[in-house]
């Protein structure tokens, strides 16, 4: 039996908490990109790029959080993980954050 549109919409209901977390993460990404933005991207390009980043982060968080409740989320996460290039470096903490840690630890 095919799910109704109402059931499908309920399955992907927005999560305010996840949206807020995505906004926070997107803000950190945007701040980390500031020097790159100044050197290579116009303000117009950043206006176009910022919502793409926010929406992708929200989608990734939402799918990850719903992994065990949704076959679609599980499929999305599994597929996205398979697309991670093997040549990517491991993530590291940003210099700005490490400077902040050093500053507050010295107090």
PDB file of N, CA and C in Angstrom:
ATOM      1  N   UNK A   1       0.840  -1.179   0.000  1.00  0.00           N
ATOM      2  CA  UNK A   1       0.000   0.000   0.000  1.00  0.00           C
ATOM      3  C   UNK A   1       0.886   1.244   0.000  1.00  0.00           C
ATOM      4  N   UNK A   2       0.594   2.188  -0.871  1.00  0.00           N
ATOM      5  CA  UNK A   2       1.377   3.410  -1.022  1.00  0.00           C
ATOM      6  C   UNK A   2       1.053   4.385   0.106  1.00  0.00           C
ATOM      7  N   UNK A   3       2.086   4.968   0.774  1.00  0.00           N
ATOM      8  CA  UNK A   3       1.814   5.938   1.838  1.00  0.00           C
ATOM      9  C   UNK A   3       1.148   7.193   1.274  1.00  0.00           C
ATOM     10  N   UNK A   4       0.291   7.782   2.079  1.00  0.00           N
ATOM     11  CA  UNK A   4      -0.365   9.017   1.670  1.00  0.00           C
ATOM     12  C   UNK A   4       0.608  10.173   1.762  1.00  0.00           C
ATOM     13  N   UNK A   5       0.259  11.298   1.090  1.00  0.00           N
ATOM     14  CA  UNK A   5       1.116  12.489   1.172  1.00  0.00           C
ATOM     15  C   UNK A   5       1.225  12.968   2.609  1.00  0.00           C
ATOM     16  N   UNK A   6       0.128  12.866   3.361  1.00  0.00           N
ATOM     17  CA  UNK A   6       0.141  13.298   4.763  1.00  0.00           C
ATOM     18  C   UNK A   6       1.140  12.466   5.562  1.00  0.00           C
ATOM     19  N   UNK A   7       1.130  11.150   5.346  1.00  0.00           N
ATOM     20  CA  UNK A   7       2.072  10.273   6.051  1.00  0.00           C
ATOM     21  C   UNK A   7       3.505  10.576   5.634  1.00  0.00           C
ATOM     22  N   UNK A   8       3.716  10.857   4.350  1.00  0.00           N
ATOM     23  CA  UNK A   8       5.065  11.172   3.869  1.00  0.00           C
ATOM     24  C   UNK A   8       5.564  12.470   4.481  1.00  0.00           C
ATOM     25  N   UNK A   9       4.692  13.480   4.563  1.00  0.00           N
ATOM     26  CA  UNK A   9       5.107  14.753   5.167  1.00  0.00           C
ATOM     27  C   UNK A   9       5.421  14.583   6.641  1.00  0.00           C
ATOM     28  N   UNK A  10       4.630  13.766   7.348  1.00  0.00           N
ATOM     29  CA  UNK A  10       4.883  13.528   8.768  1.00  0.00           C
ATOM     30  C   UNK A  10       6.239  12.845   8.959  1.00  0.00           C
ATOM     31  N   UNK A  11       6.596  11.969   8.022  1.00  0.00           N
ATOM     32  CA  UNK A  11       7.860  11.236   8.123  1.00  0.00           C
ATOM     33  C   UNK A  11       9.064  12.163   8.014  1.00  0.00           C
ATOM     34  N   UNK A  12       8.908  13.305   7.382  1.00  0.00           N
ATOM     35  CA  UNK A  12      10.019  14.248   7.260  1.00  0.00           C
ATOM     36  C   UNK A  12       9.665  15.600   7.881  1.00  0.00           C
ATOM     37  N   UNK A  13       8.980  15.537   8.999  1.00  0.00           N
ATOM     38  CA  UNK A  13       8.598  16.764   9.698  1.00  0.00           C
ATOM     39  C   UNK A  13       9.849  17.492  10.175  1.00  0.00           C
ATOM     40  N   UNK A  14       9.862  18.825  10.019  1.00  0.00           N
ATOM     41  CA  UNK A  14      11.037  19.581  10.467  1.00  0.00           C
ATOM     42  C   UNK A  14      11.266  19.442  11.972  1.00  0.00           C
ATOM     43  N   UNK A  15      12.500  19.447  12.345  1.00  0.00           N
ATOM     44  CA  UNK A  15      12.896  19.411  13.746  1.00  0.00           C
ATOM     45  C   UNK A  15      13.544  20.744  14.085  1.00  0.00           C
ATOM     46  N   UNK A  16      12.897  21.512  14.959  1.00  0.00           N
ATOM     47  CA  UNK A  16      13.428  22.824  15.337  1.00  0.00           C
ATOM     48  C   UNK A  16      14.816  22.693  15.943  1.00  0.00           C
ATOM     49  N   UNK A  17      14.992  21.706  16.799  1.00  0.00           N
ATOM     50  CA  UNK A  17      16.296  21.504  17.440  1.00  0.00           C
ATOM     51  C   UNK A  17      17.376  21.209  16.389  1.00  0.00           C
ATOM     52  N   UNK A  18      17.045  20.373  15.418  1.00  0.00           N
ATOM     53  CA  UNK A  18      18.007  20.038  14.373  1.00  0.00           C
ATOM     54  C   UNK A  18      18.259  21.242  13.472  1.00  0.00           C
ATOM     55  N   UNK A  19      17.213  22.024  13.190  1.00  0.00           N
ATOM     56  CA  UNK A  19      17.394  23.246  12.396  1.00  0.00           C
ATOM     57  C   UNK A  19      18.335  24.211  13.114  1.00  0.00           C
ATOM     58  N   UNK A  20      18.152  24.377  14.412  1.00  0.00           N
ATOM     59  CA  UNK A  20      19.024  25.264  15.185  1.00  0.00           C
ATOM     60  C   UNK A  20      20.460  24.754  15.189  1.00  0.00           C
ATOM     61  N   UNK A  21      20.635  23.451  15.314  1.00  0.00           N
ATOM     62  CA  UNK A  21      21.979  22.862  15.293  1.00  0.00           C
ATOM     63  C   UNK A  21      22.616  23.083  13.916  1.00  0.00           C
ATOM     64  N   UNK A  22      21.825  22.941  12.857  1.00  0.00           N
ATOM     65  CA  UNK A  22      22.333  23.163  11.506  1.00  0.00           C
ATOM     66  C   UNK A  22      22.751  24.620  11.306  1.00  0.00           C
ATOM     67  N   UNK A  23      21.962  25.550  11.852  1.00  0.00           N
ATOM     68  CA  UNK A  23      22.312  26.968  11.752  1.00  0.00           C
ATOM     69  C   UNK A  23      23.636  27.241  12.461  1.00  0.00           C
ATOM     70  N   UNK A  24      23.806  26.658  13.634  1.00  0.00           N
ATOM     71  CA  UNK A  24      25.060  26.820  14.384  1.00  0.00           C
ATOM     72  C   UNK A  24      26.242  26.275  13.573  1.00  0.00           C
ATOM     73  N   UNK A  25      26.101  25.067  13.047  1.00  0.00           N
ATOM     74  CA  UNK A  25      27.189  24.455  12.278  1.00  0.00           C
ATOM     75  C   UNK A  25      27.471  25.268  11.019  1.00  0.00           C
ATOM     76  N   UNK A  26      26.417  25.707  10.333  1.00  0.00           N
ATOM     77  CA  UNK A  26      26.600  26.514   9.122  1.00  0.00           C
ATOM     78  C   UNK A  26      27.314  27.821   9.443  1.00  0.00           C
ATOM     79  N   UNK A  27      27.041  28.396  10.603  1.00  0.00           N
ATOM     80  CA  UNK A  27      27.722  29.614  11.021  1.00  0.00           C
ATOM     81  C   UNK A  27      29.216  29.360  11.226  1.00  0.00           C
ATOM     82  N   UNK A  28      29.544  28.232  11.825  1.00  0.00           N
ATOM     83  CA  UNK A  28      30.959  27.876  12.018  1.00  0.00           C
ATOM     84  C   UNK A  28      31.630  27.667  10.660  1.00  0.00           C
ATOM     85  N   UNK A  29      30.938  26.986   9.746  1.00  0.00           N
ATOM     86  CA  UNK A  29      31.474  26.764   8.397  1.00  0.00           C
ATOM     87  C   UNK A  29      31.692  28.105   7.697  1.00  0.00           C
ATOM     88  N   UNK A  30      30.679  28.964   7.761  1.00  0.00           N
ATOM     89  CA  UNK A  30      30.757  30.269   7.102  1.00  0.00           C
ATOM     90  C   UNK A  30      31.922  31.091   7.648  1.00  0.00           C
ATOM     91  N   UNK A  31      32.093  31.097   8.960  1.00  0.00           N
ATOM     92  CA  UNK A  31      33.198  31.844   9.564  1.00  0.00           C
ATOM     93  C   UNK A  31      34.553  31.259   9.165  1.00  0.00           C
ATOM     94  N   UNK A  32      34.626  29.940   9.062  1.00  0.00           N
ATOM     95  CA  UNK A  32      35.869  29.289   8.660  1.00  0.00           C
ATOM     96  C   UNK A  32      36.208  29.591   7.194  1.00  0.00           C
ATOM     97  N   UNK A  33      35.183  29.886   6.398  1.00  0.00           N
ATOM     98  CA  UNK A  33      35.380  30.176   4.974  1.00  0.00           C
ATOM     99  C   UNK A  33      35.640  31.647   4.685  1.00  0.00           C
ATOM    100  N   UNK A  34      35.625  32.502   5.690  1.00  0.00           N
ATOM    101  CA  UNK A  34      35.671  33.946   5.452  1.00  0.00           C
ATOM    102  C   UNK A  34      36.881  34.382   4.632  1.00  0.00           C
ATOM    103  N   UNK A  35      38.060  33.917   4.961  1.00  0.00           N
ATOM    104  CA  UNK A  35      39.246  34.305   4.190  1.00  0.00           C
ATOM    105  C   UNK A  35      39.143  33.822   2.744  1.00  0.00           C
ATOM    106  N   UNK A  36      38.669  32.588   2.565  1.00  0.00           N
ATOM    107  CA  UNK A  36      38.470  32.045   1.219  1.00  0.00           C
ATOM    108  C   UNK A  36      37.454  32.889   0.463  1.00  0.00           C
ATOM    109  N   UNK A  37      36.380  33.245   1.141  1.00  0.00           N
ATOM    110  CA  UNK A  37      35.339  34.094   0.544  1.00  0.00           C
ATOM    111  C   UNK A  37      35.945  35.406   0.063  1.00  0.00           C
ATOM    112  N   UNK A  38      36.718  36.063   0.903  1.00  0.00           N
ATOM    113  CA  UNK A  38      37.312  37.355   0.538  1.00  0.00           C
ATOM    114  C   UNK A  38      38.239  37.233  -0.669  1.00  0.00           C
ATOM    115  N   UNK A  39      38.974  36.137  -0.766  1.00  0.00           N
ATOM    116  CA  UNK A  39      39.931  35.954  -1.856  1.00  0.00           C
ATOM    117  C   UNK A  39      39.292  35.476  -3.158  1.00  0.00           C
ATOM    118  N   UNK A  40      38.216  34.664  -3.058  1.00  0.00           N
ATOM    119  CA  UNK A  40      37.743  33.957  -4.261  1.00  0.00           C
ATOM    120  C   UNK A  40      36.265  34.109  -4.605  1.00  0.00           C
ATOM    121  N   UNK A  41      35.443  34.536  -3.662  1.00  0.00           N
ATOM    122  CA  UNK A  41      34.002  34.570  -3.917  1.00  0.00           C
ATOM    123  C   UNK A  41      33.428  35.957  -3.678  1.00  0.00           C
ATOM    124  N   UNK A  42      32.525  36.348  -4.532  1.00  0.00           N
ATOM    125  CA  UNK A  42      31.834  37.623  -4.334  1.00  0.00           C
ATOM    126  C   UNK A  42      30.766  37.458  -3.254  1.00  0.00           C
ATOM    127  N   UNK A  43      30.273  38.574  -2.748  1.00  0.00           N
ATOM    128  CA  UNK A  43      29.178  38.522  -1.775  1.00  0.00           C
ATOM    129  C   UNK A  43      27.946  37.846  -2.391  1.00  0.00           C
ATOM    130  N   UNK A  44      27.707  38.097  -3.669  1.00  0.00           N
ATOM    131  CA  UNK A  44      26.577  37.467  -4.370  1.00  0.00           C
ATOM    132  C   UNK A  44      26.742  35.944  -4.405  1.00  0.00           C
ATOM    133  N   UNK A  45      27.939  35.476  -4.667  1.00  0.00           N
ATOM    134  CA  UNK A  45      28.190  34.030  -4.674  1.00  0.00           C
ATOM    135  C   UNK A  45      27.996  33.439  -3.275  1.00  0.00           C
ATOM    136  N   UNK A  46      28.429  34.175  -2.261  1.00  0.00           N
ATOM    137  CA  UNK A  46      28.238  33.691  -0.889  1.00  0.00           C
ATOM    138  C   UNK A  46      26.760  33.647  -0.521  1.00  0.00           C
ATOM    139  N   UNK A  47      25.980  34.634  -0.987  1.00  0.00           N
ATOM    140  CA  UNK A  47      24.533  34.616  -0.728  1.00  0.00           C
ATOM    141  C   UNK A  47      23.888  33.376  -1.331  1.00  0.00           C
ATOM    142  N   UNK A  48      24.412  32.920  -2.451  1.00  0.00           N
ATOM    143  CA  UNK A  48      23.889  31.708  -3.080  1.00  0.00           C
ATOM    144  C   UNK A  48      24.413  30.456  -2.382  1.00  0.00           C
ATOM    145  N   UNK A  49      25.655  30.489  -1.963  1.00  0.00           N
ATOM    146  CA  UNK A  49      26.288  29.324  -1.341  1.00  0.00           C
ATOM    147  C   UNK A  49      25.791  29.059   0.082  1.00  0.00           C
ATOM    148  N   UNK A  50      25.580  30.107   0.868  1.00  0.00           N
ATOM    149  CA  UNK A  50      25.192  29.924   2.271  1.00  0.00           C
ATOM    150  C   UNK A  50      23.943  29.065   2.469  1.00  0.00           C
ATOM    151  N   UNK A  51      22.832  29.300   1.760  1.00  0.00           N
ATOM    152  CA  UNK A  51      21.668  28.432   1.977  1.00  0.00           C
ATOM    153  C   UNK A  51      21.899  26.993   1.500  1.00  0.00           C
ATOM    154  N   UNK A  52      22.745  26.817   0.499  1.00  0.00           N
ATOM    155  CA  UNK A  52      23.073  25.456   0.051  1.00  0.00           C
ATOM    156  C   UNK A  52      23.771  24.716   1.189  1.00  0.00           C
ATOM    157  N   UNK A  53      24.723  25.382   1.828  1.00  0.00           N
ATOM    158  CA  UNK A  53      25.453  24.784   2.948  1.00  0.00           C
ATOM    159  C   UNK A  53      24.502  24.495   4.112  1.00  0.00           C
ATOM    160  N   UNK A  54      23.679  25.489   4.493  1.00  0.00           N
ATOM    161  CA  UNK A  54      22.741  25.304   5.618  1.00  0.00           C
ATOM    162  C   UNK A  54      21.795  24.143   5.355  1.00  0.00           C
ATOM    163  N   UNK A  55      21.215  24.099   4.159  1.00  0.00           N
ATOM    164  CA  UNK A  55      20.253  23.044   3.842  1.00  0.00           C
ATOM    165  C   UNK A  55      20.911  21.668   3.816  1.00  0.00           C
ATOM    166  N   UNK A  56      22.132  21.600   3.288  1.00  0.00           N
ATOM    167  CA  UNK A  56      22.840  20.316   3.248  1.00  0.00           C
ATOM    168  C   UNK A  56      23.191  19.834   4.654  1.00  0.00           C
ATOM    169  N   UNK A  57      23.609  20.753   5.512  1.00  0.00           N
ATOM    170  CA  UNK A  57      23.931  20.379   6.901  1.00  0.00           C
ATOM    171  C   UNK A  57      22.671  19.907   7.613  1.00  0.00           C
ATOM    172  N   UNK A  58      21.578  20.647   7.444  1.00  0.00           N
ATOM    173  CA  UNK A  58      20.316  20.246   8.075  1.00  0.00           C
ATOM    174  C   UNK A  58      19.869  18.883   7.572  1.00  0.00           C
ATOM    175  N   UNK A  59      19.967  18.663   6.268  1.00  0.00           N
ATOM    176  CA  UNK A  59      19.579  17.379   5.694  1.00  0.00           C
ATOM    177  C   UNK A  59      20.431  16.248   6.261  1.00  0.00           C
ATOM    178  N   UNK A  60      21.744  16.462   6.328  1.00  0.00           N
ATOM    179  CA  UNK A  60      22.648  15.435   6.855  1.00  0.00           C
ATOM    180  C   UNK A  60      22.338  15.125   8.316  1.00  0.00           C
ATOM    181  N   UNK A  61      22.139  16.162   9.127  1.00  0.00           N
ATOM    182  CA  UNK A  61      21.817  15.950  10.543  1.00  0.00           C
ATOM    183  C   UNK A  61      20.477  15.240  10.701  1.00  0.00           C
ATOM    184  N   UNK A  62      19.481  15.705   9.959  1.00  0.00           N
ATOM    185  CA  UNK A  62      18.140  15.130  10.057  1.00  0.00           C
ATOM    186  C   UNK A  62      18.161  13.650   9.658  1.00  0.00           C
ATOM    187  N   UNK A  63      18.797  13.343   8.536  1.00  0.00           N
ATOM    188  CA  UNK A  63      18.858  11.950   8.077  1.00  0.00           C
ATOM    189  C   UNK A  63      19.620  11.088   9.088  1.00  0.00           C
ATOM    190  N   UNK A  64      20.714  11.605   9.621  1.00  0.00           N
ATOM    191  CA  UNK A  64      21.510  10.858  10.600  1.00  0.00           C
ATOM    192  C   UNK A  64      20.704  10.581  11.865  1.00  0.00           C
ATOM    193  N   UNK A  65      19.971  11.598  12.332  1.00  0.00           N
ATOM    194  CA  UNK A  65      19.162  11.443  13.547  1.00  0.00           C
ATOM    195  C   UNK A  65      17.981  10.492  13.341  1.00  0.00           C
ATOM    196  N   UNK A  66      17.527  10.340  12.111  1.00  0.00           N
ATOM    197  CA  UNK A  66      16.378   9.479  11.809  1.00  0.00           C
ATOM    198  C   UNK A  66      16.786   8.169  11.156  1.00  0.00           C
ATOM    199  N   UNK A  67      18.051   7.850  11.227  1.00  0.00           N
ATOM    200  CA  UNK A  67      18.606   6.667  10.577  1.00  0.00           C
ATOM    201  C   UNK A  67      17.856   5.383  10.948  1.00  0.00           C
ATOM    202  N   UNK A  68      17.549   5.219  12.213  1.00  0.00           N
ATOM    203  CA  UNK A  68      16.895   3.984  12.671  1.00  0.00           C
ATOM    204  C   UNK A  68      15.366   4.018  12.559  1.00  0.00           C
ATOM    205  N   UNK A  69      14.812   5.159  12.127  1.00  0.00           N
ATOM    206  CA  UNK A  69      13.358   5.284  12.008  1.00  0.00           C
ATOM    207  C   UNK A  69      12.873   5.361  10.569  1.00  0.00           C
ATOM    208  N   UNK A  70      13.798   5.514   9.623  1.00  0.00           N
ATOM    209  CA  UNK A  70      13.394   5.757   8.247  1.00  0.00           C
ATOM    210  C   UNK A  70      14.320   5.049   7.270  1.00  0.00           C
ATOM    211  N   UNK A  71      13.729   4.251   6.416  1.00  0.00           N
ATOM    212  CA  UNK A  71      14.520   3.577   5.380  1.00  0.00           C
ATOM    213  C   UNK A  71      15.134   4.611   4.445  1.00  0.00           C
ATOM    214  N   UNK A  72      14.388   5.681   4.161  1.00  0.00           N
ATOM    215  CA  UNK A  72      14.905   6.740   3.285  1.00  0.00           C
ATOM    216  C   UNK A  72      16.118   7.412   3.922  1.00  0.00           C
ATOM    217  N   UNK A  73      16.033   7.725   5.213  1.00  0.00           N
ATOM    218  CA  UNK A  73      17.156   8.342   5.912  1.00  0.00           C
ATOM    219  C   UNK A  73      18.352   7.404   5.927  1.00  0.00           C
ATOM    220  N   UNK A  74      18.097   6.139   6.198  1.00  0.00           N
ATOM    221  CA  UNK A  74      19.167   5.141   6.236  1.00  0.00           C
ATOM    222  C   UNK A  74      19.849   5.039   4.868  1.00  0.00           C
ATOM    223  N   UNK A  75      19.064   4.996   3.820  1.00  0.00           N
ATOM    224  CA  UNK A  75      19.601   4.913   2.464  1.00  0.00           C
ATOM    225  C   UNK A  75      20.420   6.157   2.130  1.00  0.00           C
ATOM    226  N   UNK A  76      19.905   7.329   2.495  1.00  0.00           N
ATOM    227  CA  UNK A  76      20.604   8.590   2.232  1.00  0.00           C
ATOM    228  C   UNK A  76      21.952   8.626   2.949  1.00  0.00           C
ATOM    229  N   UNK A  77      21.956   8.290   4.230  1.00  0.00           N
ATOM    230  CA  UNK A  77      23.194   8.314   5.017  1.00  0.00           C
ATOM    231  C   UNK A  77      24.197   7.305   4.463  1.00  0.00           C
ATOM    232  N   UNK A  78      23.746   6.085   4.229  1.00  0.00           N
ATOM    233  CA  UNK A  78      24.654   5.048   3.723  1.00  0.00           C
ATOM    234  C   UNK A  78      25.260   5.441   2.378  1.00  0.00           C
ATOM    235  N   UNK A  79      24.428   5.978   1.490  1.00  0.00           N
ATOM    236  CA  UNK A  79      24.910   6.402   0.177  1.00  0.00           C
ATOM    237  C   UNK A  79      25.901   7.558   0.318  1.00  0.00           C
ATOM    238  N   UNK A  80      25.567   8.541   1.158  1.00  0.00           N
ATOM    239  CA  UNK A  80      26.446   9.695   1.355  1.00  0.00           C
ATOM    240  C   UNK A  80      27.790   9.277   1.927  1.00  0.00           C
ATOM    241  N   UNK A  81      27.779   8.346   2.850  1.00  0.00           N
ATOM    242  CA  UNK A  81      29.033   7.852   3.433  1.00  0.00           C
ATOM    243  C   UNK A  81      29.884   7.165   2.374  1.00  0.00           C
ATOM    244  N   UNK A  82      29.232   6.408   1.488  1.00  0.00           N
ATOM    245  CA  UNK A  82      29.980   5.746   0.406  1.00  0.00           C
ATOM    246  C   UNK A  82      30.611   6.759  -0.551  1.00  0.00           C
ATOM    247  N   UNK A  83      30.058   7.960  -0.623  1.00  0.00           N
ATOM    248  CA  UNK A  83      30.584   8.991  -1.533  1.00  0.00           C
ATOM    249  C   UNK A  83      31.769   9.763  -0.960  1.00  0.00           C
ATOM    250  N   UNK A  84      32.118   9.527   0.316  1.00  0.00           N
ATOM    251  CA  UNK A  84      33.263  10.236   0.902  1.00  0.00           C
ATOM    252  C   UNK A  84      34.538   9.759   0.206  1.00  0.00           C
ATOM    253  N   UNK A  85      35.268  10.669  -0.435  1.00  0.00           N
ATOM    254  CA  UNK A  85      36.487  10.258  -1.142  1.00  0.00           C
ATOM    255  C   UNK A  85      37.539   9.722  -0.179  1.00  0.00           C
ATOM    256  N   UNK A  86      38.244   8.688  -0.601  1.00  0.00           N
ATOM    257  CA  UNK A  86      39.261   8.091   0.274  1.00  0.00           C
ATOM    258  C   UNK A  86      40.492   8.979   0.404  1.00  0.00           C
ATOM    259  N   UNK A  87      40.615  10.006  -0.428  1.00  0.00           N
ATOM    260  CA  UNK A  87      41.771  10.905  -0.350  1.00  0.00           C
ATOM    261  C   UNK A  87      41.541  12.081   0.598  1.00  0.00           C
ATOM    262  N   UNK A  88      40.334  12.218   1.163  1.00  0.00           N
ATOM    263  CA  UNK A  88      40.082  13.315   2.100  1.00  0.00           C
ATOM    264  C   UNK A  88      40.904  13.136   3.358  1.00  0.00           C
ATOM    265  N   UNK A  89      41.439  14.260   3.840  1.00  0.00           N
ATOM    266  CA  UNK A  89      42.150  14.244   5.110  1.00  0.00           C
ATOM    267  C   UNK A  89      41.128  14.117   6.245  1.00  0.00           C
ATOM    268  N   UNK A  90      41.589  13.606   7.379  1.00  0.00           N
ATOM    269  CA  UNK A  90      40.729  13.549   8.561  1.00  0.00           C
ATOM    270  C   UNK A  90      40.417  14.978   9.002  1.00  0.00           C
ATOM    271  N   UNK A  91      39.204  15.227   9.490  1.00  0.00           N
ATOM    272  CA  UNK A  91      38.894  16.580   9.968  1.00  0.00           C
ATOM    273  C   UNK A  91      39.745  16.933  11.189  1.00  0.00           C
ATOM    274  N   UNK A  92      39.986  18.224  11.335  1.00  0.00           N
ATOM    275  CA  UNK A  92      40.724  18.700  12.508  1.00  0.00           C
ATOM    276  C   UNK A  92      40.010  19.930  13.053  1.00  0.00           C
ATOM    277  N   UNK A  93      40.297  20.268  14.269  1.00  0.00           N
ATOM    278  CA  UNK A  93      39.704  21.449  14.881  1.00  0.00           C
ATOM    279  C   UNK A  93      40.296  22.700  14.237  1.00  0.00           C
ATOM    280  N   UNK A  94      39.480  23.717  14.078  1.00  0.00           N
ATOM    281  CA  UNK A  94      39.953  24.946  13.433  1.00  0.00           C
ATOM    282  C   UNK A  94      40.940  25.689  14.332  1.00  0.00           C
ATOM    283  N   UNK A  95      41.800  26.454  13.689  1.00  0.00           N
ATOM    284  CA  UNK A  95      42.772  27.258  14.435  1.00  0.00           C
ATOM    285  C   UNK A  95      42.081  28.244  15.362  1.00  0.00           C
ATOM    286  N   UNK A  96      40.972  28.854  14.892  1.00  0.00           N
ATOM    287  CA  UNK A  96      40.237  29.806  15.740  1.00  0.00           C
ATOM    288  C   UNK A  96      39.759  29.149  17.026  1.00  0.00           C
ATOM    289  N   UNK A  97      39.222  27.938  16.919  1.00  0.00           N
ATOM    290  CA  UNK A  97      38.757  27.246  18.117  1.00  0.00           C
ATOM    291  C   UNK A  97      39.930  26.895  19.025  1.00  0.00           C
ATOM    292  N   UNK A  98      41.021  26.396  18.455  1.00  0.00           N
ATOM    293  CA  UNK A  98      42.183  26.021  19.261  1.00  0.00           C
ATOM    294  C   UNK A  98      42.784  27.236  19.972  1.00  0.00           C
ATOM    295  N   UNK A  99      42.769  28.398  19.307  1.00  0.00           N
ATOM    296  CA  UNK A  99      43.227  29.634  19.958  1.00  0.00           C
ATOM    297  C   UNK A  99      42.317  29.991  21.128  1.00  0.00           C
ATOM    298  N   UNK A 100      41.027  29.805  20.943  1.00  0.00           N
ATOM    299  CA  UNK A 100      40.066  30.083  22.004  1.00  0.00           C
ATOM    300  C   UNK A 100      40.292  29.154  23.197  1.00  0.00           C
ATOM    301  N   UNK A 101      40.511  27.882  22.929  1.00  0.00           N
ATOM    302  CA  UNK A 101      40.781  26.912  23.993  1.00  0.00           C
ATOM    303  C   UNK A 101      42.040  27.337  24.755  1.00  0.00           C
ATOM    304  N   UNK A 102      43.083  27.656  24.022  1.00  0.00           N
ATOM    305  CA  UNK A 102      44.346  28.060  24.653  1.00  0.00           C
ATOM    306  C   UNK A 102      44.145  29.305  25.514  1.00  0.00           C
ATOM    307  N   UNK A 103      43.391  30.265  24.996  1.00  0.00           N
ATOM    308  CA  UNK A 103      43.133  31.501  25.729  1.00  0.00           C
ATOM    309  C   UNK A 103      42.402  31.212  27.041  1.00  0.00           C
ATOM    310  N   UNK A 104      41.319  30.442  26.983  1.00  0.00           N
ATOM    311  CA  UNK A 104      40.523  30.195  28.196  1.00  0.00           C
ATOM    312  C   UNK A 104      41.222  29.268  29.171  1.00  0.00           C
ATOM    313  N   UNK A 105      42.055  28.374  28.673  1.00  0.00           N
ATOM    314  CA  UNK A 105      42.809  27.503  29.581  1.00  0.00           C
ATOM    315  C   UNK A 105      43.902  28.273  30.314  1.00  0.00           C
ATOM    316  N   UNK A 106      44.340  29.387  29.759  1.00  0.00           N
ATOM    317  CA  UNK A 106      45.396  30.171  30.412  1.00  0.00           C
ATOM    318  C   UNK A 106      44.846  31.097  31.493  1.00  0.00           C
ATOM    319  N   UNK A 107      43.540  31.203  31.599  1.00  0.00           N
ATOM    320  CA  UNK A 107      42.914  32.085  32.594  1.00  0.00           C
ATOM    321  C   UNK A 107      42.796  31.413  33.933  1.00  0.00           C
TER     322      UNK A 107
END
